[in-house]
Protein backbone atom coordinates (compact mmCIF):
# COMPACT_ATOMS: atom_id res chain seq x y z
CA LEU A 1 88.92 55.59 84.14
CA THR A 2 90.48 52.63 84.26
CA THR A 3 88.08 50.65 82.54
CA GLN A 4 87.73 53.17 80.29
CA VAL A 5 91.78 53.58 79.12
CA TYR A 6 91.72 49.70 78.65
CA VAL A 7 89.08 49.48 76.77
CA MET A 8 90.36 52.56 74.33
CA CYS A 9 93.77 50.38 74.54
CA ILE A 10 92.59 47.36 73.64
CA GLY A 11 90.45 49.20 70.78
CA LEU A 12 93.41 50.98 69.12
CA ASN A 13 95.54 47.50 69.37
CA LEU A 14 92.99 45.88 67.58
CA VAL A 15 92.67 48.29 64.73
CA PHE A 16 97.09 48.80 64.91
CA SER A 17 97.22 45.21 64.81
CA MET A 18 94.58 44.65 62.09
CA GLY A 19 97.10 46.81 60.37
CA GLN A 20 99.33 44.55 59.69
CA VAL A 21 96.94 42.45 57.48
CA LEU A 22 96.91 45.29 55.07
CA LEU A 23 101.32 44.87 55.05
CA ILE A 24 100.95 41.37 54.30
CA LEU A 25 98.91 42.07 51.66
CA GLY A 26 100.03 44.91 50.55
CA LEU A 27 97.51 47.32 50.76
CA ASN A 28 99.33 50.00 52.65
CA LYS A 29 99.92 51.96 49.86
CA PRO A 30 100.90 54.70 49.30
CA ILE A 31 102.87 54.07 52.66
CA PRO A 32 106.38 52.22 51.86
CA ASP A 33 106.10 49.19 53.94
CA PHE A 34 109.18 50.05 56.12
CA ALA A 35 107.71 53.26 57.11
CA PHE A 36 104.35 51.43 57.85
CA ALA A 37 105.89 48.67 59.61
CA VAL A 38 107.82 51.01 61.86
CA GLY A 39 105.15 53.38 62.35
CA ASP A 40 102.63 49.91 63.20
CA GLU A 41 105.15 49.04 65.99
CA ALA A 42 105.65 52.30 67.65
CA VAL A 43 102.27 53.00 68.09
CA LEU A 44 101.84 49.55 69.61
CA ASP A 45 104.44 50.00 72.13
CA PHE A 46 103.04 53.57 72.82
CA ILE A 47 99.56 51.99 73.68
CA SER A 48 101.20 49.38 75.87
CA GLY A 49 102.84 52.22 77.92
CA VAL A 50 99.18 53.92 78.54
CA GLN A 51 97.72 51.01 79.67
CA PHE A 52 101.03 50.00 81.73
CA LEU A 53 100.68 53.41 83.74
CA PRO A 54 96.82 52.99 85.06
CA THR A 55 97.54 49.44 85.97
CA THR A 56 100.54 50.47 87.77
CA ILE A 57 99.04 53.21 89.83
CA MET A 58 95.58 50.92 90.73
CA MET A 59 98.65 48.49 91.70
CA VAL A 60 100.51 51.11 94.03
CA HIS A 61 96.96 51.76 95.76
CA LEU A 62 96.80 48.29 96.40
CA CYS A 63 100.02 47.53 98.16
CA PRO A 64 100.70 48.69 102.02
CA LYS A 65 102.77 51.46 102.85
CA GLY A 66 106.31 51.42 102.39
CA SER A 67 106.65 48.43 100.08
CA GLU A 68 105.60 50.12 96.85
CA GLY A 69 108.85 49.63 95.18
CA VAL A 70 108.36 46.14 95.99
CA SER A 71 105.24 45.86 94.47
CA TYR A 72 106.55 48.06 91.45
CA ALA A 73 109.23 45.53 91.20
CA MET A 74 107.04 42.40 91.08
CA PHE A 75 104.27 44.11 88.75
CA THR A 76 106.99 44.38 86.37
CA THR A 77 108.57 41.62 86.49
CA MET A 78 104.90 40.08 85.64
CA ASN A 79 104.41 42.12 83.33
CA ASN A 80 108.08 41.00 81.55
CA VAL A 81 107.54 37.26 82.09
CA ALA A 82 103.97 38.01 80.27
CA LEU A 83 105.94 39.14 77.32
CA THR A 84 108.16 36.59 76.94
CA LEU A 85 105.75 33.96 78.00
CA SER A 86 103.79 35.18 75.03
CA SER A 87 106.11 35.27 72.88
CA ASN A 88 106.97 31.85 73.56
CA MET A 89 103.52 30.74 72.99
CA SER A 90 103.43 32.71 69.67
CA THR A 91 106.20 30.58 68.49
CA LEU A 92 103.96 27.39 68.97
CA LEU A 93 101.35 28.96 66.47
CA LEU A 94 103.51 29.07 63.41
CA GLY A 95 102.52 25.36 63.02
CA ILE A 96 99.06 25.69 62.99
CA TRP A 97 98.85 27.72 59.10
CA ASP A 98 101.75 27.60 56.34
CA VAL A 99 103.28 30.93 57.17
CA SER A 100 106.66 28.89 55.69
CA LYS A 101 109.35 31.13 54.05
CA GLU A 102 108.58 29.27 50.98
CA ALA A 103 104.93 30.12 51.33
CA LEU A 104 105.55 33.72 51.54
CA GLU A 105 108.09 33.51 48.64
CA GLU A 106 105.36 32.28 46.26
CA ASP A 107 103.05 34.35 47.33
CA ARG A 108 100.87 32.34 49.32
CA LEU A 109 99.97 34.75 52.16
CA GLY A 110 96.75 32.73 53.22
CA GLY A 111 98.57 31.47 56.57
CA MET A 112 100.09 34.68 57.54
CA VAL A 113 96.76 36.39 57.51
CA LYS A 114 95.12 33.65 59.52
CA LEU A 115 97.53 33.62 62.02
CA THR A 116 97.76 37.47 62.24
CA VAL A 117 94.07 37.70 63.04
CA LEU A 118 94.01 34.78 65.66
CA THR A 119 97.07 36.45 67.58
CA THR A 120 95.31 39.85 67.30
CA CYS A 121 92.15 38.38 68.47
CA ILE A 122 94.31 36.73 71.57
CA GLN A 123 96.03 40.31 72.09
CA THR A 124 92.07 41.39 72.39
CA ALA A 125 90.85 38.82 74.96
CA GLY A 126 91.76 40.80 77.97
CA VAL A 127 88.61 42.79 77.35
CA PHE A 128 86.73 39.87 78.88
CA PHE A 129 88.78 40.42 82.14
CA LEU A 130 87.52 43.89 82.28
CA PRO A 131 84.99 43.28 85.08
CA LEU A 132 87.35 41.94 87.28
CA LEU A 133 88.98 45.45 87.88
CA PRO A 134 88.03 47.69 90.86
CA GLU A 135 85.67 50.21 89.45
CA PHE A 136 86.10 53.27 92.26
CA ARG A 137 88.56 53.96 94.67
CA SER A 138 86.30 52.07 97.41
CA ASP A 139 86.50 48.90 95.69
CA LEU A 140 90.85 49.14 95.61
CA GLU A 141 90.11 49.99 99.63
CA LYS A 142 88.21 46.64 100.29
CA LEU A 143 90.79 44.60 98.42
CA LYS A 144 93.46 45.81 100.20
CA THR A 145 92.33 44.37 103.68
CA GLY A 146 92.77 41.31 102.33
CA ARG A 147 95.65 38.96 101.76
CA SER A 148 95.84 35.88 99.39
CA ASP A 149 98.06 32.84 99.37
CA PHE A 150 96.17 31.64 96.33
CA GLY A 151 97.08 34.61 94.39
CA GLY A 152 100.67 34.78 95.73
CA ALA A 153 100.86 30.82 94.60
CA VAL A 154 99.43 31.40 91.24
CA PHE A 155 102.11 34.73 90.59
CA LEU A 156 105.11 31.93 91.56
CA GLY A 157 103.92 29.40 89.64
CA ILE A 158 103.38 31.79 86.68
CA ILE A 159 107.23 33.15 86.89
CA GLY A 160 108.64 29.66 87.51
CA PHE A 161 106.42 28.41 84.35
CA THR A 162 107.61 30.85 82.05
CA LEU A 163 111.41 30.85 83.34
CA VAL A 164 111.29 26.79 82.83
CA TRP A 165 109.65 27.32 79.47
CA ALA A 166 111.64 29.67 78.07
CA VAL A 167 114.66 27.58 79.16
CA ILE A 168 113.36 24.84 77.30
CA GLU A 169 112.88 26.47 74.26
CA GLY A 170 115.94 28.10 74.18
CA PHE A 171 117.55 24.87 74.17
CA LEU A 172 115.04 23.44 71.94
CA ASN A 173 115.60 26.16 69.12
CA ILE A 174 119.54 25.73 69.59
CA PHE A 175 119.60 21.75 69.46
CA PHE A 176 116.67 21.08 66.90
CA PRO A 177 115.59 24.25 65.02
CA GLY A 178 112.65 24.47 63.40
CA TRP A 179 111.19 21.71 66.12
CA SER A 180 107.75 23.86 66.15
CA GLY A 181 107.16 24.71 62.76
CA GLU A 182 108.96 27.60 61.70
CA SER A 183 111.44 28.11 58.89
């Protein structure tokens, strides 16, 4: 069931993220731009919530009895760190194509469309990791018996890297505005 939920959510994410191309090109008529953008974001947030729930349930089944709260906190932390890292990394993508204010004012939208398609493809890349999910409850039970020092090190490494990167990017944005190509 978890895999089907992920596939459905990734498919819906693809459709609604590509809807942003319609907005960029002005093909969302008769829906007003603001309503289209707000609706698009609301649906994407809803999809993220739906996707988060089965993952959380699966993680609760993996954790030892009595440590569900700590496991949930770790999982939520990792989710929030991933959101921060993805936002920071997407800022770096701004320099690939011309998405400057001037380009948009001159109606040169090619860079914005290409960037939207690229970020949508990156968002949906999670589908390649679906075979790694446990398929049955017995698969979850098998995972419960092991301990992974490597997994713990990766977890801490990602959190540490993201925190350091967020601080560095914050300083760069304050002291060197436009350092990564954004206008």
